[in-house]
């Protein structure tokens, strides 16, 4: 499956990319920028 970029998740959910990055890092994902991509399963967890 195709990976999803953090900024795309933020846009879809109506949040700022920084908020999504913070949430991802709370889950221990180590995301640094909005252009990082994650697997769809991880995107669903965010």
Protein backbone atom coordinates (compact mmCIF):
# COMPACT_ATOMS: atom_id res chain seq x y z
CA UNK A 1 0.00 0.00 0.00
CA UNK A 2 1.02 3.57 -0.55
CA UNK A 3 2.35 5.58 2.33
CA UNK A 4 0.54 8.75 3.41
CA UNK A 5 2.33 12.02 4.12
CA UNK A 6 1.73 13.76 7.43
CA UNK A 7 0.55 16.98 5.75
CA UNK A 8 -2.08 14.97 3.84
CA UNK A 9 -3.37 13.46 7.09
CA UNK A 10 -3.55 16.93 8.64
CA UNK A 11 -5.42 18.37 5.67
CA UNK A 12 -7.90 15.49 5.62
CA UNK A 13 -8.61 15.81 9.35
CA UNK A 14 -8.64 19.63 9.40
CA UNK A 15 -5.66 19.99 11.72
CA UNK A 16 -2.34 21.80 11.49
CA UNK A 17 0.60 19.59 10.51
CA UNK A 18 2.37 20.47 13.76
CA UNK A 19 -0.53 19.03 15.76
CA UNK A 20 -0.37 15.77 13.81
CA UNK A 21 3.42 15.59 14.26
CA UNK A 22 2.99 16.08 18.03
CA UNK A 23 0.37 13.32 18.20
CA UNK A 24 2.55 10.98 16.14
CA UNK A 25 5.50 11.61 18.44
CA UNK A 26 3.31 10.90 21.49
CA UNK A 27 2.82 7.48 19.89
CA UNK A 28 6.61 7.13 19.60
CA UNK A 29 6.84 7.46 15.81
CA UNK A 30 9.72 9.95 15.62
CA UNK A 31 8.16 12.14 12.92
CA UNK A 32 10.17 15.29 12.21
CA UNK A 33 8.52 17.00 9.23
CA UNK A 34 5.12 17.19 7.53
CA UNK A 35 6.61 15.57 4.43
CA UNK A 36 7.39 12.34 6.31
CA UNK A 37 5.26 9.43 5.14
CA UNK A 38 3.69 6.69 7.25
CA UNK A 39 1.91 3.41 6.53
CA UNK A 40 -1.90 3.57 6.32
CA UNK A 41 -2.23 1.57 9.57
CA UNK A 42 -0.17 4.17 11.41
CA UNK A 43 -2.13 7.01 9.81
CA UNK A 44 -5.33 5.43 11.16
CA UNK A 45 -3.83 5.34 14.66
CA UNK A 46 -3.00 9.03 14.52
